[in-house]
Amino acid sequence: MVRALLVDDHAVVRAGLRALLEASGTAEVVGEASSGEEAVTKAQILEPDIVVMDLAMPGMDGIQATRRITELGLETKVLVLTIHDEDDFLLPALDAGADGFLNKSTADIDLMGAIEAVVRGHSFLPRRAAALIARRTAQQRGAGGEPKPEALSDRERTVIELTARGFSAAETGRELSLSRKTVEGYIARAKSKLGLKHRRDIVRFALESGLLRSETEQ
């Protein structure tokens, strides 16, 4: 049973999400939060498998809350669920540590699939994610050449794939029987070789190179 924390400043939205998740028979809502601050506190106390995170909230918004939850070092995944278009909010969400991005307009169809994908360690992203990430990254990088997966060792390639899928360094270490410090070393070397700086860059690289078999929004 997937343990979920629902974060939205509208009680009626949280009620609808709770009904949808509990009707599935595969998810249990262990808590609700109406603000970013409350989300961070409850994530730390409850340590849910996943936080379903709204973006537009008074005070600490969903991007800030996602970053704070990620920084706690929990194994909790974050799925952003928003009415906002990915053009403006996908990259900030990935930068903050989100593992998935879903528009509320398709939540009734795609929410459970998105939750299951993210909890399994996949990134659940819109179909346009690869092109959007590539375009923004190219603009930031300028005219430099694109990084190639051949530049990585087999171990670095595997670590980058797992990182792009949403695994933390600790989770990757358990998967590969390595220490967290060793995994962080592989990530640092791979990022240096590829000229990558942010999480969104790793996801973009993994999508474009075929390392990441992401499950996308229908």
N, C-alpha and C. Protein backbone atom coordinates (compact mmCIF):
# COMPACT_ATOMS: atom_id res chain seq x y z
N MET A 1 0.84 -1.20 0.00
CA MET A 1 0.00 0.00 0.00
C MET A 1 0.88 1.25 0.00
N VAL A 2 0.66 2.12 -0.96
CA VAL A 2 1.42 3.37 -1.06
C VAL A 2 0.88 4.38 -0.06
N ARG A 3 1.77 4.95 0.73
CA ARG A 3 1.40 5.93 1.74
C ARG A 3 1.60 7.33 1.15
N ALA A 4 0.50 8.10 1.07
CA ALA A 4 0.54 9.39 0.38
C ALA A 4 0.19 10.55 1.31
N LEU A 5 0.89 11.67 1.10
CA LEU A 5 0.57 12.93 1.75
C LEU A 5 0.05 13.87 0.67
N LEU A 6 -1.14 14.42 0.88
CA LEU A 6 -1.77 15.31 -0.10
C LEU A 6 -1.56 16.76 0.31
N VAL A 7 -1.07 17.58 -0.63
CA VAL A 7 -0.79 18.98 -0.33
C VAL A 7 -1.52 19.87 -1.33
N ASP A 8 -2.49 20.62 -0.84
CA ASP A 8 -3.24 21.56 -1.67
C ASP A 8 -3.95 22.52 -0.73
N ASP A 9 -4.01 23.80 -1.09
CA ASP A 9 -4.63 24.75 -0.19
C ASP A 9 -6.15 24.77 -0.29
N HIS A 10 -6.72 23.95 -1.17
CA HIS A 10 -8.17 23.85 -1.29
C HIS A 10 -8.65 22.52 -0.72
N ALA A 11 -9.48 22.59 0.31
CA ALA A 11 -9.96 21.38 0.98
C ALA A 11 -10.76 20.49 0.04
N VAL A 12 -11.53 21.09 -0.88
CA VAL A 12 -12.34 20.29 -1.79
C VAL A 12 -11.45 19.49 -2.74
N VAL A 13 -10.31 20.05 -3.14
CA VAL A 13 -9.37 19.32 -4.00
C VAL A 13 -8.77 18.15 -3.24
N ARG A 14 -8.35 18.40 -2.00
CA ARG A 14 -7.78 17.31 -1.20
C ARG A 14 -8.80 16.20 -0.99
N ALA A 15 -10.07 16.58 -0.78
CA ALA A 15 -11.11 15.57 -0.57
C ALA A 15 -11.29 14.73 -1.83
N GLY A 16 -11.26 15.38 -2.99
CA GLY A 16 -11.40 14.64 -4.24
C GLY A 16 -10.22 13.71 -4.49
N LEU A 17 -9.02 14.18 -4.19
CA LEU A 17 -7.83 13.34 -4.36
C LEU A 17 -7.86 12.16 -3.39
N ARG A 18 -8.27 12.42 -2.15
CA ARG A 18 -8.36 11.34 -1.17
C ARG A 18 -9.33 10.26 -1.64
N ALA A 19 -10.48 10.68 -2.13
CA ALA A 19 -11.47 9.71 -2.61
C ALA A 19 -10.92 8.90 -3.78
N LEU A 20 -10.22 9.56 -4.68
CA LEU A 20 -9.66 8.89 -5.85
C LEU A 20 -8.60 7.87 -5.44
N LEU A 21 -7.72 8.26 -4.54
CA LEU A 21 -6.65 7.37 -4.12
C LEU A 21 -7.18 6.19 -3.32
N GLU A 22 -8.06 6.47 -2.39
CA GLU A 22 -8.56 5.39 -1.54
C GLU A 22 -9.45 4.43 -2.30
N ALA A 23 -10.13 4.92 -3.34
CA ALA A 23 -10.96 4.03 -4.17
C ALA A 23 -10.11 3.07 -4.97
N SER A 24 -8.85 3.41 -5.20
CA SER A 24 -7.97 2.55 -5.99
C SER A 24 -7.61 1.26 -5.26
N GLY A 25 -7.64 1.32 -3.93
CA GLY A 25 -7.29 0.15 -3.15
C GLY A 25 -5.80 -0.10 -3.03
N THR A 26 -4.98 0.78 -3.64
CA THR A 26 -3.53 0.60 -3.60
C THR A 26 -2.81 1.75 -2.91
N ALA A 27 -3.57 2.75 -2.45
CA ALA A 27 -2.96 3.92 -1.81
C ALA A 27 -3.71 4.27 -0.54
N GLU A 28 -2.96 4.71 0.45
CA GLU A 28 -3.52 5.16 1.72
C GLU A 28 -3.08 6.59 1.96
N VAL A 29 -4.03 7.48 2.20
CA VAL A 29 -3.71 8.87 2.51
C VAL A 29 -3.39 8.96 4.00
N VAL A 30 -2.12 9.21 4.30
CA VAL A 30 -1.69 9.24 5.70
C VAL A 30 -1.70 10.65 6.28
N GLY A 31 -1.92 11.66 5.42
CA GLY A 31 -1.96 13.02 5.91
C GLY A 31 -2.32 14.01 4.83
N GLU A 32 -2.73 15.20 5.25
CA GLU A 32 -3.04 16.28 4.34
C GLU A 32 -2.38 17.56 4.84
N ALA A 33 -2.07 18.45 3.91
CA ALA A 33 -1.48 19.74 4.27
C ALA A 33 -2.07 20.81 3.36
N SER A 34 -2.29 21.99 3.91
CA SER A 34 -2.89 23.08 3.13
C SER A 34 -1.89 24.17 2.80
N SER A 35 -0.63 23.97 3.16
CA SER A 35 0.40 24.97 2.87
C SER A 35 1.74 24.28 2.70
N GLY A 36 2.70 24.99 2.11
CA GLY A 36 4.03 24.43 1.95
C GLY A 36 4.70 24.16 3.28
N GLU A 37 4.54 25.08 4.22
CA GLU A 37 5.15 24.90 5.53
C GLU A 37 4.62 23.64 6.22
N GLU A 38 3.31 23.46 6.15
CA GLU A 38 2.69 22.28 6.77
C GLU A 38 3.14 21.00 6.05
N ALA A 39 3.30 21.08 4.75
CA ALA A 39 3.75 19.92 3.97
C ALA A 39 5.12 19.45 4.42
N VAL A 40 6.04 20.39 4.61
CA VAL A 40 7.40 20.04 5.04
C VAL A 40 7.36 19.39 6.42
N THR A 41 6.61 19.97 7.33
CA THR A 41 6.51 19.42 8.69
C THR A 41 5.93 18.02 8.68
N LYS A 42 4.84 17.83 7.95
CA LYS A 42 4.19 16.52 7.94
C LYS A 42 5.00 15.47 7.19
N ALA A 43 5.71 15.90 6.15
CA ALA A 43 6.57 14.95 5.44
C ALA A 43 7.66 14.42 6.38
N GLN A 44 8.19 15.30 7.20
CA GLN A 44 9.24 14.91 8.14
C GLN A 44 8.70 13.98 9.22
N ILE A 45 7.48 14.22 9.66
CA ILE A 45 6.89 13.40 10.72
C ILE A 45 6.38 12.07 10.19
N LEU A 46 5.68 12.10 9.06
CA LEU A 46 4.99 10.92 8.54
C LEU A 46 5.86 10.07 7.62
N GLU A 47 6.87 10.68 6.98
CA GLU A 47 7.72 10.00 6.01
C GLU A 47 6.90 9.15 5.03
N PRO A 48 6.01 9.79 4.28
CA PRO A 48 5.18 9.05 3.32
C PRO A 48 6.01 8.55 2.14
N ASP A 49 5.44 7.61 1.40
CA ASP A 49 6.12 7.15 0.18
C ASP A 49 6.14 8.24 -0.88
N ILE A 50 5.06 9.03 -0.90
CA ILE A 50 4.94 10.06 -1.93
C ILE A 50 4.17 11.26 -1.40
N VAL A 51 4.57 12.44 -1.86
CA VAL A 51 3.83 13.67 -1.60
C VAL A 51 3.24 14.12 -2.92
N VAL A 52 1.92 14.30 -2.94
CA VAL A 52 1.25 14.85 -4.13
C VAL A 52 1.13 16.35 -3.88
N MET A 53 1.91 17.12 -4.62
CA MET A 53 2.18 18.52 -4.29
C MET A 53 1.56 19.51 -5.27
N ASP A 54 0.71 20.39 -4.75
CA ASP A 54 0.22 21.53 -5.53
C ASP A 54 1.33 22.58 -5.58
N LEU A 55 1.27 23.47 -6.55
CA LEU A 55 2.30 24.51 -6.68
C LEU A 55 1.87 25.85 -6.12
N ALA A 56 0.65 26.29 -6.47
CA ALA A 56 0.20 27.63 -6.10
C ALA A 56 -0.45 27.60 -4.72
N MET A 57 0.32 28.02 -3.72
CA MET A 57 -0.19 28.10 -2.35
C MET A 57 0.33 29.37 -1.71
N PRO A 58 -0.44 29.96 -0.78
CA PRO A 58 0.05 31.16 -0.10
C PRO A 58 1.24 30.82 0.79
N GLY A 59 2.13 31.80 1.00
CA GLY A 59 3.31 31.53 1.81
C GLY A 59 4.32 30.73 1.02
N MET A 60 4.81 29.64 1.60
CA MET A 60 5.75 28.77 0.91
C MET A 60 5.02 28.02 -0.20
N ASP A 61 5.44 28.21 -1.45
CA ASP A 61 4.75 27.56 -2.55
C ASP A 61 5.25 26.12 -2.73
N GLY A 62 4.67 25.43 -3.72
CA GLY A 62 5.00 24.03 -3.91
C GLY A 62 6.43 23.77 -4.34
N ILE A 63 7.01 24.69 -5.10
CA ILE A 63 8.41 24.54 -5.51
C ILE A 63 9.31 24.61 -4.29
N GLN A 64 9.10 25.62 -3.44
CA GLN A 64 9.90 25.76 -2.23
C GLN A 64 9.73 24.57 -1.30
N ALA A 65 8.48 24.12 -1.16
CA ALA A 65 8.21 22.98 -0.28
C ALA A 65 8.87 21.71 -0.80
N THR A 66 8.82 21.52 -2.12
CA THR A 66 9.47 20.35 -2.71
C THR A 66 10.97 20.37 -2.43
N ARG A 67 11.58 21.52 -2.58
CA ARG A 67 13.02 21.64 -2.32
C ARG A 67 13.34 21.33 -0.86
N ARG A 68 12.52 21.84 0.05
CA ARG A 68 12.75 21.60 1.47
C ARG A 68 12.59 20.12 1.81
N ILE A 69 11.59 19.48 1.24
CA ILE A 69 11.37 18.06 1.51
C ILE A 69 12.52 17.23 0.96
N THR A 70 12.97 17.58 -0.24
CA THR A 70 14.11 16.88 -0.84
C THR A 70 15.36 17.01 0.03
N GLU A 71 15.56 18.20 0.58
CA GLU A 71 16.74 18.46 1.40
C GLU A 71 16.71 17.72 2.73
N LEU A 72 15.54 17.21 3.13
CA LEU A 72 15.44 16.45 4.38
C LEU A 72 16.15 15.10 4.28
N GLY A 73 16.40 14.65 3.05
CA GLY A 73 17.08 13.38 2.86
C GLY A 73 16.19 12.16 3.07
N LEU A 74 14.89 12.35 2.98
CA LEU A 74 13.95 11.24 3.13
C LEU A 74 13.89 10.42 1.85
N GLU A 75 13.29 9.26 1.93
CA GLU A 75 13.09 8.46 0.72
C GLU A 75 11.77 8.81 0.05
N THR A 76 11.10 9.82 0.55
CA THR A 76 9.82 10.28 0.02
C THR A 76 9.99 10.84 -1.40
N LYS A 77 9.10 10.44 -2.31
CA LYS A 77 9.06 10.99 -3.66
C LYS A 77 8.06 12.15 -3.70
N VAL A 78 8.24 13.03 -4.67
CA VAL A 78 7.31 14.16 -4.83
C VAL A 78 6.75 14.16 -6.25
N LEU A 79 5.42 14.13 -6.34
CA LEU A 79 4.72 14.26 -7.62
C LEU A 79 4.00 15.60 -7.62
N VAL A 80 4.39 16.49 -8.52
CA VAL A 80 3.73 17.79 -8.64
C VAL A 80 2.42 17.59 -9.40
N LEU A 81 1.33 18.10 -8.83
CA LEU A 81 0.01 18.04 -9.45
C LEU A 81 -0.52 19.46 -9.51
N THR A 82 -0.64 20.01 -10.71
CA THR A 82 -0.90 21.44 -10.84
C THR A 82 -1.77 21.77 -12.04
N ILE A 83 -2.39 22.95 -12.00
CA ILE A 83 -3.14 23.44 -13.16
C ILE A 83 -2.21 24.21 -14.09
N HIS A 84 -0.99 24.49 -13.66
CA HIS A 84 -0.07 25.32 -14.42
C HIS A 84 0.61 24.53 -15.54
N ASP A 85 0.90 25.23 -16.63
CA ASP A 85 1.54 24.62 -17.79
C ASP A 85 2.99 24.29 -17.51
N GLU A 86 3.46 23.18 -18.09
CA GLU A 86 4.84 22.75 -17.86
C GLU A 86 5.87 23.72 -18.42
N ASP A 87 5.49 24.55 -19.40
CA ASP A 87 6.46 25.47 -19.99
C ASP A 87 7.14 26.34 -18.94
N ASP A 88 6.38 26.75 -17.94
CA ASP A 88 6.92 27.66 -16.94
C ASP A 88 7.32 26.97 -15.64
N PHE A 89 6.76 25.79 -15.37
CA PHE A 89 6.94 25.21 -14.04
C PHE A 89 7.63 23.85 -14.00
N LEU A 90 7.78 23.18 -15.15
CA LEU A 90 8.41 21.85 -15.12
C LEU A 90 9.86 21.92 -14.66
N LEU A 91 10.65 22.81 -15.27
CA LEU A 91 12.07 22.87 -14.93
C LEU A 91 12.31 23.31 -13.48
N PRO A 92 11.62 24.32 -12.97
CA PRO A 92 11.78 24.65 -11.55
C PRO A 92 11.39 23.49 -10.63
N ALA A 93 10.36 22.72 -11.02
CA ALA A 93 9.94 21.58 -10.20
C ALA A 93 11.02 20.51 -10.18
N LEU A 94 11.58 20.20 -11.34
CA LEU A 94 12.66 19.20 -11.40
C LEU A 94 13.89 19.68 -10.64
N ASP A 95 14.19 20.96 -10.77
CA ASP A 95 15.33 21.54 -10.06
C ASP A 95 15.16 21.39 -8.55
N ALA A 96 13.93 21.52 -8.09
CA ALA A 96 13.65 21.43 -6.66
C ALA A 96 13.68 19.99 -6.16
N GLY A 97 13.65 19.02 -7.09
CA GLY A 97 13.73 17.62 -6.69
C GLY A 97 12.49 16.81 -6.97
N ALA A 98 11.51 17.37 -7.70
CA ALA A 98 10.30 16.62 -8.00
C ALA A 98 10.62 15.41 -8.88
N ASP A 99 9.88 14.33 -8.68
CA ASP A 99 10.08 13.10 -9.44
C ASP A 99 9.05 12.95 -10.56
N GLY A 100 8.01 13.75 -10.53
CA GLY A 100 6.99 13.67 -11.57
C GLY A 100 6.22 14.97 -11.67
N PHE A 101 5.53 15.15 -12.79
CA PHE A 101 4.80 16.39 -13.05
C PHE A 101 3.53 16.02 -13.80
N LEU A 102 2.37 16.33 -13.23
CA LEU A 102 1.08 15.96 -13.82
C LEU A 102 0.13 17.14 -13.74
N ASN A 103 -0.60 17.37 -14.84
CA ASN A 103 -1.59 18.44 -14.85
C ASN A 103 -2.89 17.94 -14.24
N LYS A 104 -3.55 18.79 -13.45
CA LYS A 104 -4.78 18.41 -12.78
C LYS A 104 -5.89 18.04 -13.76
N SER A 105 -5.80 18.54 -14.98
CA SER A 105 -6.85 18.26 -15.97
C SER A 105 -6.94 16.78 -16.33
N THR A 106 -5.86 16.03 -16.09
CA THR A 106 -5.86 14.60 -16.41
C THR A 106 -5.72 13.73 -15.16
N ALA A 107 -5.87 14.34 -13.98
CA ALA A 107 -5.64 13.61 -12.74
C ALA A 107 -6.60 12.43 -12.58
N ASP A 108 -7.84 12.60 -13.02
CA ASP A 108 -8.80 11.51 -12.85
C ASP A 108 -8.39 10.27 -13.64
N ILE A 109 -7.62 10.45 -14.71
CA ILE A 109 -7.19 9.33 -15.55
C ILE A 109 -5.79 8.86 -15.19
N ASP A 110 -4.89 9.80 -14.95
CA ASP A 110 -3.46 9.48 -14.87
C ASP A 110 -2.86 9.47 -13.48
N LEU A 111 -3.60 9.93 -12.46
CA LEU A 111 -2.98 10.11 -11.15
C LEU A 111 -2.41 8.81 -10.58
N MET A 112 -3.20 7.74 -10.57
CA MET A 112 -2.72 6.50 -9.97
C MET A 112 -1.53 5.94 -10.73
N GLY A 113 -1.58 6.04 -12.06
CA GLY A 113 -0.44 5.58 -12.86
C GLY A 113 0.80 6.38 -12.57
N ALA A 114 0.63 7.70 -12.39
CA ALA A 114 1.77 8.56 -12.09
C ALA A 114 2.36 8.22 -10.72
N ILE A 115 1.50 8.01 -9.74
CA ILE A 115 1.97 7.67 -8.39
C ILE A 115 2.72 6.35 -8.41
N GLU A 116 2.15 5.35 -9.07
CA GLU A 116 2.79 4.03 -9.12
C GLU A 116 4.14 4.12 -9.82
N ALA A 117 4.23 4.90 -10.90
CA ALA A 117 5.49 5.04 -11.63
C ALA A 117 6.55 5.70 -10.76
N VAL A 118 6.18 6.79 -10.11
CA VAL A 118 7.15 7.54 -9.30
C VAL A 118 7.62 6.70 -8.11
N VAL A 119 6.71 6.00 -7.46
CA VAL A 119 7.08 5.17 -6.31
C VAL A 119 8.01 4.04 -6.74
N ARG A 120 7.85 3.54 -7.98
CA ARG A 120 8.74 2.49 -8.48
C ARG A 120 10.11 3.02 -8.87
N GLY A 121 10.27 4.36 -8.86
CA GLY A 121 11.57 4.93 -9.18
C GLY A 121 11.66 5.53 -10.56
N HIS A 122 10.53 5.63 -11.29
CA HIS A 122 10.53 6.26 -12.61
C HIS A 122 10.21 7.74 -12.50
N SER A 123 10.60 8.51 -13.48
CA SER A 123 10.16 9.90 -13.59
C SER A 123 8.90 9.92 -14.45
N PHE A 124 7.83 10.51 -13.95
CA PHE A 124 6.59 10.63 -14.72
C PHE A 124 6.50 12.06 -15.22
N LEU A 125 6.70 12.25 -16.53
CA LEU A 125 6.81 13.59 -17.10
C LEU A 125 5.91 13.75 -18.32
N PRO A 126 5.54 14.98 -18.66
CA PRO A 126 4.77 15.22 -19.88
C PRO A 126 5.56 14.78 -21.11
N ARG A 127 4.86 14.49 -22.18
CA ARG A 127 5.52 14.04 -23.41
C ARG A 127 6.49 15.09 -23.96
N ARG A 128 6.21 16.35 -23.70
CA ARG A 128 7.05 17.42 -24.23
C ARG A 128 8.28 17.68 -23.35
N ALA A 129 8.44 16.89 -22.29
CA ALA A 129 9.50 17.18 -21.33
C ALA A 129 10.88 17.17 -21.96
N ALA A 130 11.17 16.14 -22.75
CA ALA A 130 12.52 16.02 -23.32
C ALA A 130 12.86 17.24 -24.18
N ALA A 131 11.92 17.64 -25.05
CA ALA A 131 12.18 18.78 -25.93
C ALA A 131 12.31 20.07 -25.13
N LEU A 132 11.47 20.23 -24.12
CA LEU A 132 11.49 21.44 -23.31
C LEU A 132 12.79 21.54 -22.53
N ILE A 133 13.20 20.45 -21.90
CA ILE A 133 14.44 20.45 -21.12
C ILE A 133 15.63 20.68 -22.04
N ALA A 134 15.63 20.03 -23.19
CA ALA A 134 16.74 20.18 -24.13
C ALA A 134 16.85 21.62 -24.61
N ARG A 135 15.73 22.25 -24.93
CA ARG A 135 15.75 23.62 -25.44
C ARG A 135 16.27 24.59 -24.39
N ARG A 136 15.77 24.47 -23.16
CA ARG A 136 16.21 25.37 -22.11
C ARG A 136 17.69 25.16 -21.78
N THR A 137 18.10 23.90 -21.72
CA THR A 137 19.49 23.61 -21.39
C THR A 137 20.42 24.12 -22.48
N ALA A 138 20.02 23.95 -23.75
CA ALA A 138 20.83 24.44 -24.86
C ALA A 138 20.97 25.95 -24.80
N GLN A 139 19.92 26.65 -24.41
CA GLN A 139 19.97 28.10 -24.29
C GLN A 139 20.96 28.52 -23.21
N GLN A 140 20.97 27.77 -22.11
CA GLN A 140 21.88 28.10 -21.02
C GLN A 140 23.31 27.74 -21.37
N ARG A 141 23.48 26.63 -22.11
CA ARG A 141 24.82 26.16 -22.43
C ARG A 141 25.45 26.96 -23.57
N GLY A 142 24.59 27.54 -24.44
CA GLY A 142 25.09 28.28 -25.59
C GLY A 142 25.40 27.35 -26.73
N ALA A 143 26.47 27.61 -27.42
CA ALA A 143 26.78 26.86 -28.63
C ALA A 143 27.63 25.63 -28.38
N GLY A 144 27.88 25.27 -27.12
CA GLY A 144 28.72 24.11 -26.81
C GLY A 144 28.11 22.82 -27.32
N GLY A 145 28.95 21.79 -27.52
CA GLY A 145 28.47 20.51 -28.00
C GLY A 145 27.65 19.77 -26.96
N GLU A 146 26.84 18.86 -27.41
CA GLU A 146 26.02 18.05 -26.53
C GLU A 146 26.85 16.94 -25.89
N PRO A 147 26.62 16.65 -24.60
CA PRO A 147 27.35 15.57 -23.96
C PRO A 147 26.93 14.21 -24.52
N LYS A 148 27.85 13.25 -24.52
CA LYS A 148 27.59 11.92 -25.08
C LYS A 148 27.66 10.87 -23.98
N PRO A 149 26.74 9.90 -24.00
CA PRO A 149 26.77 8.84 -22.98
C PRO A 149 28.04 8.02 -23.03
N GLU A 150 28.71 7.97 -24.20
CA GLU A 150 29.95 7.20 -24.34
C GLU A 150 31.07 7.75 -23.45
N ALA A 151 30.91 8.99 -22.99
CA ALA A 151 31.93 9.58 -22.13
C ALA A 151 31.92 8.97 -20.74
N LEU A 152 30.87 8.24 -20.40
CA LEU A 152 30.72 7.69 -19.07
C LEU A 152 31.20 6.25 -18.98
N SER A 153 31.69 5.88 -17.81
CA SER A 153 31.96 4.47 -17.55
C SER A 153 30.63 3.75 -17.34
N ASP A 154 30.65 2.44 -17.36
CA ASP A 154 29.41 1.68 -17.17
C ASP A 154 28.76 2.02 -15.83
N ARG A 155 29.58 2.13 -14.78
CA ARG A 155 29.03 2.43 -13.46
C ARG A 155 28.46 3.83 -13.41
N GLU A 156 29.16 4.80 -14.01
CA GLU A 156 28.65 6.17 -14.04
C GLU A 156 27.34 6.24 -14.80
N ARG A 157 27.25 5.50 -15.89
CA ARG A 157 26.02 5.49 -16.69
C ARG A 157 24.85 4.95 -15.87
N THR A 158 25.09 3.88 -15.12
CA THR A 158 24.04 3.29 -14.30
C THR A 158 23.60 4.25 -13.21
N VAL A 159 24.57 4.90 -12.57
CA VAL A 159 24.25 5.84 -11.49
C VAL A 159 23.46 7.03 -12.03
N ILE A 160 23.84 7.54 -13.20
CA ILE A 160 23.10 8.65 -13.80
C ILE A 160 21.68 8.23 -14.16
N GLU A 161 21.53 7.00 -14.68
CA GLU A 161 20.19 6.51 -15.01
C GLU A 161 19.31 6.46 -13.77
N LEU A 162 19.82 5.91 -12.69
CA LEU A 162 19.04 5.79 -11.46
C LEU A 162 18.74 7.16 -10.87
N THR A 163 19.69 8.08 -10.95
CA THR A 163 19.47 9.44 -10.46
C THR A 163 18.36 10.12 -11.26
N ALA A 164 18.38 9.94 -12.56
CA ALA A 164 17.34 10.53 -13.42
C ALA A 164 15.98 9.92 -13.14
N ARG A 165 15.96 8.66 -12.73
CA ARG A 165 14.71 7.99 -12.41
C ARG A 165 14.16 8.40 -11.06
N GLY A 166 14.92 9.18 -10.30
CA GLY A 166 14.44 9.68 -9.03
C GLY A 166 15.04 9.04 -7.81
N PHE A 167 16.00 8.12 -7.99
CA PHE A 167 16.65 7.49 -6.85
C PHE A 167 17.54 8.50 -6.14
N SER A 168 17.51 8.50 -4.82
CA SER A 168 18.47 9.29 -4.05
C SER A 168 19.81 8.58 -4.07
N ALA A 169 20.86 9.27 -3.60
CA ALA A 169 22.18 8.63 -3.55
C ALA A 169 22.16 7.40 -2.65
N ALA A 170 21.41 7.50 -1.54
CA ALA A 170 21.32 6.36 -0.63
C ALA A 170 20.60 5.18 -1.28
N GLU A 171 19.50 5.47 -2.00
CA GLU A 171 18.75 4.40 -2.67
C GLU A 171 19.58 3.77 -3.77
N THR A 172 20.31 4.60 -4.52
CA THR A 172 21.18 4.07 -5.57
C THR A 172 22.26 3.18 -4.97
N GLY A 173 22.81 3.62 -3.84
CA GLY A 173 23.82 2.81 -3.16
C GLY A 173 23.29 1.45 -2.76
N ARG A 174 22.08 1.40 -2.25
CA ARG A 174 21.49 0.09 -1.87
C ARG A 174 21.25 -0.77 -3.10
N GLU A 175 20.82 -0.13 -4.17
CA GLU A 175 20.55 -0.86 -5.41
C GLU A 175 21.83 -1.48 -5.97
N LEU A 176 22.95 -0.78 -5.85
CA LEU A 176 24.20 -1.20 -6.46
C LEU A 176 25.22 -1.75 -5.45
N SER A 177 24.79 -1.85 -4.18
CA SER A 177 25.68 -2.32 -3.11
C SER A 177 26.91 -1.42 -2.98
N LEU A 178 26.66 -0.12 -3.00
CA LEU A 178 27.72 0.87 -2.84
C LEU A 178 27.36 1.80 -1.69
N SER A 179 28.36 2.47 -1.13
CA SER A 179 28.08 3.46 -0.10
C SER A 179 27.51 4.72 -0.74
N ARG A 180 26.80 5.50 0.06
CA ARG A 180 26.26 6.76 -0.45
C ARG A 180 27.38 7.68 -0.93
N LYS A 181 28.48 7.71 -0.20
CA LYS A 181 29.60 8.56 -0.57
C LYS A 181 30.18 8.15 -1.92
N THR A 182 30.26 6.84 -2.17
CA THR A 182 30.77 6.36 -3.45
C THR A 182 29.85 6.77 -4.59
N VAL A 183 28.54 6.65 -4.36
CA VAL A 183 27.56 7.04 -5.37
C VAL A 183 27.68 8.53 -5.67
N GLU A 184 27.81 9.34 -4.63
CA GLU A 184 27.93 10.78 -4.83
C GLU A 184 29.19 11.11 -5.64
N GLY A 185 30.25 10.31 -5.45
CA GLY A 185 31.47 10.50 -6.23
C GLY A 185 31.24 10.20 -7.70
N TYR A 186 30.51 9.10 -7.99
CA TYR A 186 30.19 8.76 -9.38
C TYR A 186 29.35 9.87 -10.02
N ILE A 187 28.38 10.39 -9.27
CA ILE A 187 27.52 11.44 -9.80
C ILE A 187 28.35 12.68 -10.12
N ALA A 188 29.22 13.06 -9.20
CA ALA A 188 30.04 14.25 -9.40
C ALA A 188 30.94 14.10 -10.63
N ARG A 189 31.55 12.91 -10.79
CA ARG A 189 32.42 12.70 -11.95
C ARG A 189 31.64 12.70 -13.25
N ALA A 190 30.46 12.08 -13.22
CA ALA A 190 29.63 12.04 -14.43
C ALA A 190 29.17 13.43 -14.81
N LYS A 191 28.74 14.22 -13.85
CA LYS A 191 28.30 15.58 -14.13
C LYS A 191 29.45 16.42 -14.69
N SER A 192 30.63 16.19 -14.16
CA SER A 192 31.80 16.93 -14.66
C SER A 192 32.10 16.55 -16.10
N LYS A 193 32.06 15.26 -16.42
CA LYS A 193 32.32 14.80 -17.77
C LYS A 193 31.30 15.34 -18.76
N LEU A 194 30.05 15.41 -18.34
CA LEU A 194 28.96 15.78 -19.23
C LEU A 194 28.66 17.27 -19.24
N GLY A 195 29.27 18.01 -18.33
CA GLY A 195 29.00 19.44 -18.25
C GLY A 195 27.63 19.74 -17.70
N LEU A 196 27.15 18.90 -16.78
CA LEU A 196 25.82 19.07 -16.20
C LEU A 196 25.92 19.68 -14.81
N LYS A 197 24.90 20.45 -14.44
CA LYS A 197 24.91 21.10 -13.13
C LYS A 197 23.72 20.72 -12.27
N HIS A 198 22.55 20.64 -12.87
CA HIS A 198 21.33 20.50 -12.09
C HIS A 198 20.65 19.16 -12.36
N ARG A 199 19.69 18.84 -11.47
CA ARG A 199 18.90 17.62 -11.64
C ARG A 199 18.18 17.61 -12.98
N ARG A 200 17.65 18.76 -13.39
CA ARG A 200 16.93 18.82 -14.66
C ARG A 200 17.86 18.47 -15.82
N ASP A 201 19.15 18.83 -15.70
CA ASP A 201 20.11 18.52 -16.75
C ASP A 201 20.33 17.02 -16.84
N ILE A 202 20.39 16.35 -15.68
CA ILE A 202 20.57 14.90 -15.66
C ILE A 202 19.37 14.21 -16.29
N VAL A 203 18.17 14.66 -15.94
CA VAL A 203 16.96 14.08 -16.52
C VAL A 203 16.92 14.30 -18.02
N ARG A 204 17.26 15.51 -18.44
CA ARG A 204 17.27 15.82 -19.87
C ARG A 204 18.25 14.94 -20.62
N PHE A 205 19.46 14.82 -20.08
CA PHE A 205 20.48 13.98 -20.70
C PHE A 205 20.00 12.53 -20.79
N ALA A 206 19.43 12.02 -19.70
CA ALA A 206 18.99 10.63 -19.68
C ALA A 206 17.84 10.38 -20.66
N LEU A 207 16.95 11.35 -20.79
CA LEU A 207 15.85 11.22 -21.75
C LEU A 207 16.37 11.21 -23.18
N GLU A 208 17.24 12.16 -23.50
CA GLU A 208 17.72 12.30 -24.87
C GLU A 208 18.64 11.15 -25.29
N SER A 209 19.40 10.62 -24.35
CA SER A 209 20.35 9.56 -24.68
C SER A 209 19.73 8.16 -24.62
N GLY A 210 18.48 8.08 -24.14
CA GLY A 210 17.83 6.78 -24.07
C GLY A 210 18.11 6.02 -22.79
N LEU A 211 18.84 6.62 -21.85
CA LEU A 211 19.11 5.95 -20.58
C LEU A 211 17.86 5.87 -19.72
N LEU A 212 16.98 6.85 -19.85
CA LEU A 212 15.79 6.95 -19.01
C LEU A 212 14.57 6.46 -19.80
N ARG A 213 13.97 5.38 -19.33
CA ARG A 213 12.73 4.89 -19.92
C ARG A 213 11.59 5.46 -19.08
N SER A 214 11.28 6.73 -19.33
CA SER A 214 10.29 7.41 -18.51
C SER A 214 8.88 7.00 -18.89
N GLU A 215 7.98 7.10 -17.91
CA GLU A 215 6.57 6.86 -18.16
C GLU A 215 5.94 8.24 -18.27
N THR A 216 5.29 8.50 -19.40
CA THR A 216 4.85 9.86 -19.69
C THR A 216 3.35 10.01 -19.63
N GLU A 217 2.95 11.25 -19.51
CA GLU A 217 1.55 11.63 -19.47
C GLU A 217 0.90 11.26 -20.81
N GLN A 218 -0.30 10.71 -20.73
CA GLN A 218 -1.02 10.33 -21.95
C GLN A 218 -1.80 11.51 -22.49
